Amino acid sequence: MSMRYYQPVSAALVFILNRQRRLVERFQDAGAVSPDAAKRLAEIGVTPSFMFARMSARGVFVPVGDERWWLNATVWTRYRRWQTKRMVVGGLAVLAACVLVVALLISL
């Protein structure tokens, strides 16, 4: 199997991780890192998106009221660890499937 097959998957993964990191950095740069320091998205320079909604649903970005949001750094760290574990497990599953396919082809 050509490595070209993996390039779009890798590129998509890099895009997603970079987008998440940029969202978090905007909150950090704006100082919106606690409920008391929460700010409106326009002040932070963030527009609602699928990525923002997904991370908000996981508790990374927390609404306070008055349309203000803040970054929960503890949840962000936990979320990144969970993502990393999920990627490793997914990669191992793909590797195991490839080994099984090769073993089956050899046995024929």
N, C-alpha and C. Protein backbone atom coordinates (compact mmCIF):
# COMPACT_ATOMS: atom_id res chain seq x y z
N MET A 1 0.85 -1.19 0.00
CA MET A 1 0.00 0.00 0.00
C MET A 1 0.90 1.25 0.00
N SER A 2 0.58 2.17 -0.82
CA SER A 2 1.35 3.40 -0.97
C SER A 2 1.17 4.32 0.23
N MET A 3 2.24 5.04 0.57
CA MET A 3 2.16 6.02 1.65
C MET A 3 1.27 7.20 1.27
N ARG A 4 1.00 7.35 -0.02
CA ARG A 4 0.12 8.45 -0.46
C ARG A 4 -1.27 8.31 0.14
N TYR A 5 -1.67 7.09 0.43
CA TYR A 5 -2.99 6.84 1.03
C TYR A 5 -3.09 7.53 2.39
N TYR A 6 -2.00 7.54 3.13
CA TYR A 6 -2.01 8.08 4.49
C TYR A 6 -1.86 9.60 4.53
N GLN A 7 -1.39 10.21 3.46
CA GLN A 7 -1.15 11.64 3.47
C GLN A 7 -2.41 12.47 3.72
N PRO A 8 -3.55 12.19 3.08
CA PRO A 8 -4.75 12.99 3.37
C PRO A 8 -5.20 12.82 4.82
N VAL A 9 -5.08 11.61 5.35
CA VAL A 9 -5.47 11.37 6.74
C VAL A 9 -4.56 12.15 7.67
N SER A 10 -3.27 12.10 7.42
CA SER A 10 -2.30 12.83 8.24
C SER A 10 -2.53 14.33 8.15
N ALA A 11 -2.78 14.81 6.95
CA ALA A 11 -3.01 16.24 6.76
C ALA A 11 -4.26 16.69 7.50
N ALA A 12 -5.31 15.89 7.45
CA ALA A 12 -6.55 16.23 8.16
C ALA A 12 -6.32 16.25 9.65
N LEU A 13 -5.58 15.30 10.16
CA LEU A 13 -5.28 15.23 11.59
C LEU A 13 -4.47 16.44 12.03
N VAL A 14 -3.47 16.79 11.27
CA VAL A 14 -2.65 17.96 11.58
C VAL A 14 -3.50 19.23 11.55
N PHE A 15 -4.38 19.34 10.56
CA PHE A 15 -5.26 20.50 10.46
C PHE A 15 -6.13 20.63 11.71
N ILE A 16 -6.74 19.51 12.13
CA ILE A 16 -7.63 19.53 13.30
C ILE A 16 -6.86 19.92 14.56
N LEU A 17 -5.71 19.31 14.78
CA LEU A 17 -4.93 19.60 15.99
C LEU A 17 -4.46 21.06 16.01
N ASN A 18 -4.04 21.57 14.85
CA ASN A 18 -3.62 22.97 14.77
C ASN A 18 -4.78 23.92 15.02
N ARG A 19 -5.93 23.60 14.48
CA ARG A 19 -7.11 24.45 14.67
C ARG A 19 -7.49 24.50 16.16
N GLN A 20 -7.46 23.35 16.82
CA GLN A 20 -7.75 23.31 18.25
C GLN A 20 -6.74 24.14 19.04
N ARG A 21 -5.48 23.97 18.71
CA ARG A 21 -4.43 24.71 19.42
C ARG A 21 -4.59 26.21 19.23
N ARG A 22 -4.93 26.63 18.02
CA ARG A 22 -5.12 28.07 17.76
C ARG A 22 -6.31 28.62 18.55
N LEU A 23 -7.39 27.85 18.65
CA LEU A 23 -8.53 28.29 19.45
C LEU A 23 -8.12 28.49 20.91
N VAL A 24 -7.41 27.53 21.45
CA VAL A 24 -6.96 27.61 22.84
C VAL A 24 -6.01 28.80 23.03
N GLU A 25 -5.10 28.99 22.10
CA GLU A 25 -4.16 30.11 22.20
C GLU A 25 -4.87 31.46 22.17
N ARG A 26 -5.94 31.57 21.40
CA ARG A 26 -6.69 32.84 21.37
C ARG A 26 -7.29 33.14 22.73
N PHE A 27 -7.84 32.13 23.38
CA PHE A 27 -8.39 32.32 24.72
C PHE A 27 -7.28 32.71 25.70
N GLN A 28 -6.14 32.03 25.60
CA GLN A 28 -5.02 32.33 26.50
C GLN A 28 -4.50 33.74 26.26
N ASP A 29 -4.33 34.11 25.00
CA ASP A 29 -3.83 35.45 24.67
C ASP A 29 -4.79 36.54 25.15
N ALA A 30 -6.09 36.24 25.11
CA ALA A 30 -7.09 37.22 25.56
C ALA A 30 -7.23 37.22 27.08
N GLY A 31 -6.61 36.25 27.74
CA GLY A 31 -6.70 36.18 29.20
C GLY A 31 -8.00 35.58 29.71
N ALA A 32 -8.75 34.94 28.85
CA ALA A 32 -10.03 34.34 29.23
C ALA A 32 -9.80 32.92 29.75
N VAL A 33 -9.16 32.85 30.92
CA VAL A 33 -8.75 31.55 31.46
C VAL A 33 -9.37 31.23 32.82
N SER A 34 -10.37 31.99 33.19
CA SER A 34 -11.10 31.72 34.44
C SER A 34 -12.50 32.31 34.30
N PRO A 35 -13.43 31.86 35.13
CA PRO A 35 -14.80 32.41 35.03
C PRO A 35 -14.83 33.94 35.22
N ASP A 36 -13.99 34.45 36.09
CA ASP A 36 -13.96 35.90 36.33
C ASP A 36 -13.40 36.67 35.14
N ALA A 37 -12.56 36.01 34.34
CA ALA A 37 -11.92 36.69 33.20
C ALA A 37 -12.60 36.35 31.88
N ALA A 38 -13.76 35.72 31.94
CA ALA A 38 -14.48 35.31 30.72
C ALA A 38 -14.76 36.51 29.82
N LYS A 39 -14.73 36.26 28.50
CA LYS A 39 -14.95 37.33 27.52
C LYS A 39 -15.87 36.85 26.43
N ARG A 40 -16.42 37.81 25.70
CA ARG A 40 -17.24 37.48 24.54
C ARG A 40 -16.34 36.96 23.43
N LEU A 41 -16.91 36.10 22.61
CA LEU A 41 -16.12 35.50 21.53
C LEU A 41 -15.53 36.56 20.60
N ALA A 42 -16.29 37.61 20.34
CA ALA A 42 -15.79 38.67 19.46
C ALA A 42 -14.55 39.34 20.06
N GLU A 43 -14.51 39.49 21.38
CA GLU A 43 -13.34 40.08 22.04
C GLU A 43 -12.13 39.17 21.92
N ILE A 44 -12.38 37.86 21.90
CA ILE A 44 -11.30 36.89 21.84
C ILE A 44 -10.83 36.70 20.39
N GLY A 45 -11.71 37.01 19.45
CA GLY A 45 -11.39 36.83 18.04
C GLY A 45 -11.77 35.44 17.53
N VAL A 46 -12.80 34.86 18.14
CA VAL A 46 -13.25 33.52 17.78
C VAL A 46 -14.68 33.61 17.26
N THR A 47 -14.94 32.90 16.17
CA THR A 47 -16.31 32.79 15.68
C THR A 47 -16.78 31.36 15.94
N PRO A 48 -18.04 31.20 16.27
CA PRO A 48 -18.55 29.84 16.52
C PRO A 48 -18.33 28.95 15.29
N SER A 49 -17.86 27.75 15.54
CA SER A 49 -17.59 26.79 14.47
C SER A 49 -17.87 25.39 15.00
N PHE A 50 -17.80 24.42 14.11
CA PHE A 50 -17.99 23.04 14.53
C PHE A 50 -16.94 22.66 15.58
N MET A 51 -15.70 23.05 15.34
CA MET A 51 -14.61 22.73 16.28
C MET A 51 -14.86 23.37 17.64
N PHE A 52 -15.27 24.63 17.64
CA PHE A 52 -15.55 25.32 18.90
C PHE A 52 -16.70 24.63 19.62
N ALA A 53 -17.75 24.28 18.90
CA ALA A 53 -18.90 23.61 19.51
C ALA A 53 -18.51 22.26 20.09
N ARG A 54 -17.70 21.52 19.38
CA ARG A 54 -17.26 20.21 19.86
C ARG A 54 -16.43 20.34 21.14
N MET A 55 -15.51 21.29 21.14
CA MET A 55 -14.67 21.47 22.32
C MET A 55 -15.48 22.03 23.49
N SER A 56 -16.47 22.85 23.20
CA SER A 56 -17.36 23.37 24.24
C SER A 56 -18.18 22.25 24.85
N ALA A 57 -18.66 21.33 24.01
CA ALA A 57 -19.45 20.20 24.51
C ALA A 57 -18.62 19.32 25.42
N ARG A 58 -17.31 19.30 25.23
CA ARG A 58 -16.42 18.51 26.08
C ARG A 58 -15.98 19.29 27.32
N GLY A 59 -16.35 20.56 27.41
CA GLY A 59 -16.03 21.36 28.59
C GLY A 59 -14.73 22.13 28.51
N VAL A 60 -14.10 22.16 27.33
CA VAL A 60 -12.85 22.92 27.18
C VAL A 60 -13.15 24.40 27.25
N PHE A 61 -14.18 24.84 26.53
CA PHE A 61 -14.64 26.23 26.58
C PHE A 61 -15.95 26.25 27.36
N VAL A 62 -16.02 27.12 28.35
CA VAL A 62 -17.15 27.11 29.27
C VAL A 62 -17.90 28.44 29.19
N PRO A 63 -19.22 28.38 28.95
CA PRO A 63 -20.01 29.62 28.94
C PRO A 63 -20.27 30.09 30.36
N VAL A 64 -20.25 31.40 30.55
CA VAL A 64 -20.50 31.96 31.87
C VAL A 64 -21.85 32.64 31.95
N GLY A 65 -22.31 33.17 30.87
CA GLY A 65 -23.53 33.97 30.82
C GLY A 65 -23.18 35.26 30.12
N ASP A 66 -24.18 35.98 29.68
CA ASP A 66 -23.91 37.21 28.94
C ASP A 66 -23.06 36.93 27.70
N GLU A 67 -23.17 35.69 27.19
CA GLU A 67 -22.42 35.26 26.01
C GLU A 67 -20.91 35.34 26.20
N ARG A 68 -20.45 35.19 27.42
CA ARG A 68 -19.01 35.20 27.72
C ARG A 68 -18.53 33.76 27.92
N TRP A 69 -17.27 33.53 27.55
CA TRP A 69 -16.67 32.20 27.59
C TRP A 69 -15.29 32.26 28.23
N TRP A 70 -14.86 31.13 28.75
CA TRP A 70 -13.50 31.02 29.27
C TRP A 70 -12.94 29.63 28.97
N LEU A 71 -11.62 29.53 28.98
CA LEU A 71 -10.91 28.28 28.72
C LEU A 71 -10.65 27.56 30.04
N ASN A 72 -11.09 26.32 30.13
CA ASN A 72 -10.80 25.49 31.30
C ASN A 72 -9.55 24.69 30.95
N ALA A 73 -8.39 25.16 31.43
CA ALA A 73 -7.10 24.56 31.07
C ALA A 73 -6.98 23.12 31.56
N THR A 74 -7.58 22.81 32.70
CA THR A 74 -7.53 21.44 33.22
C THR A 74 -8.24 20.48 32.27
N VAL A 75 -9.41 20.89 31.82
CA VAL A 75 -10.17 20.04 30.88
C VAL A 75 -9.44 19.96 29.54
N TRP A 76 -8.83 21.07 29.11
CA TRP A 76 -8.08 21.08 27.85
C TRP A 76 -6.95 20.05 27.91
N THR A 77 -6.22 20.00 29.00
CA THR A 77 -5.13 19.04 29.15
C THR A 77 -5.67 17.61 29.10
N ARG A 78 -6.75 17.35 29.81
CA ARG A 78 -7.37 16.04 29.82
C ARG A 78 -7.89 15.67 28.42
N TYR A 79 -8.47 16.64 27.74
CA TYR A 79 -9.01 16.42 26.38
C TYR A 79 -7.88 16.04 25.42
N ARG A 80 -6.75 16.72 25.50
CA ARG A 80 -5.61 16.41 24.62
C ARG A 80 -5.07 15.02 24.90
N ARG A 81 -4.97 14.65 26.18
CA ARG A 81 -4.51 13.30 26.53
C ARG A 81 -5.46 12.24 25.96
N TRP A 82 -6.76 12.49 26.10
CA TRP A 82 -7.76 11.56 25.59
C TRP A 82 -7.62 11.43 24.07
N GLN A 83 -7.42 12.55 23.39
CA GLN A 83 -7.26 12.52 21.93
C GLN A 83 -6.03 11.72 21.53
N THR A 84 -4.94 11.94 22.26
CA THR A 84 -3.69 11.24 21.95
C THR A 84 -3.88 9.74 22.13
N LYS A 85 -4.51 9.35 23.23
CA LYS A 85 -4.76 7.92 23.46
C LYS A 85 -5.62 7.34 22.36
N ARG A 86 -6.65 8.09 21.97
CA ARG A 86 -7.55 7.63 20.92
C ARG A 86 -6.81 7.45 19.59
N MET A 87 -5.89 8.37 19.28
CA MET A 87 -5.13 8.26 18.03
C MET A 87 -4.18 7.07 18.08
N VAL A 88 -3.55 6.84 19.22
CA VAL A 88 -2.63 5.71 19.35
C VAL A 88 -3.39 4.40 19.22
N VAL A 89 -4.51 4.28 19.91
CA VAL A 89 -5.32 3.06 19.83
C VAL A 89 -5.82 2.85 18.40
N GLY A 90 -6.26 3.91 17.76
CA GLY A 90 -6.70 3.80 16.37
C GLY A 90 -5.59 3.35 15.45
N GLY A 91 -4.41 3.91 15.63
CA GLY A 91 -3.25 3.53 14.83
C GLY A 91 -2.87 2.07 15.05
N LEU A 92 -2.92 1.63 16.30
CA LEU A 92 -2.61 0.24 16.61
C LEU A 92 -3.65 -0.71 16.00
N ALA A 93 -4.92 -0.28 16.00
CA ALA A 93 -5.97 -1.10 15.39
C ALA A 93 -5.74 -1.25 13.90
N VAL A 94 -5.37 -0.17 13.24
CA VAL A 94 -5.09 -0.23 11.80
C VAL A 94 -3.88 -1.12 11.55
N LEU A 95 -2.86 -0.99 12.36
CA LEU A 95 -1.66 -1.83 12.21
C LEU A 95 -2.01 -3.30 12.40
N ALA A 96 -2.81 -3.60 13.42
CA ALA A 96 -3.22 -4.99 13.67
C ALA A 96 -4.02 -5.54 12.49
N ALA A 97 -4.90 -4.72 11.94
CA ALA A 97 -5.70 -5.16 10.78
C ALA A 97 -4.78 -5.45 9.59
N CYS A 98 -3.79 -4.61 9.38
CA CYS A 98 -2.85 -4.83 8.27
C CYS A 98 -2.06 -6.12 8.47
N VAL A 99 -1.62 -6.37 9.70
CA VAL A 99 -0.88 -7.60 9.99
C VAL A 99 -1.76 -8.81 9.74
N LEU A 100 -3.02 -8.74 10.14
CA LEU A 100 -3.94 -9.85 9.89
C LEU A 100 -4.15 -10.10 8.40
N VAL A 101 -4.31 -9.05 7.65
CA VAL A 101 -4.50 -9.18 6.20
C VAL A 101 -3.27 -9.82 5.56
N VAL A 102 -2.10 -9.35 5.95
CA VAL A 102 -0.87 -9.92 5.40
C VAL A 102 -0.73 -11.38 5.80
N ALA A 103 -1.04 -11.71 7.05
CA ALA A 103 -0.97 -13.10 7.51
C ALA A 103 -1.94 -13.98 6.72
N LEU A 104 -3.15 -13.49 6.46
CA LEU A 104 -4.11 -14.24 5.68
C LEU A 104 -3.65 -14.44 4.25
N LEU A 105 -3.08 -13.40 3.66
CA LEU A 105 -2.59 -13.51 2.29
C LEU A 105 -1.43 -14.48 2.19
N ILE A 106 -0.57 -14.49 3.18
CA ILE A 106 0.57 -15.42 3.18
C ILE A 106 0.10 -16.86 3.31
N SER A 107 -0.94 -17.07 4.12
CA SER A 107 -1.43 -18.43 4.35
C SER A 107 -2.16 -19.01 3.16
N LEU A 108 -2.55 -18.17 2.21
CA LEU A 108 -3.23 -18.67 1.01
C LEU A 108 -2.23 -19.19 0.08
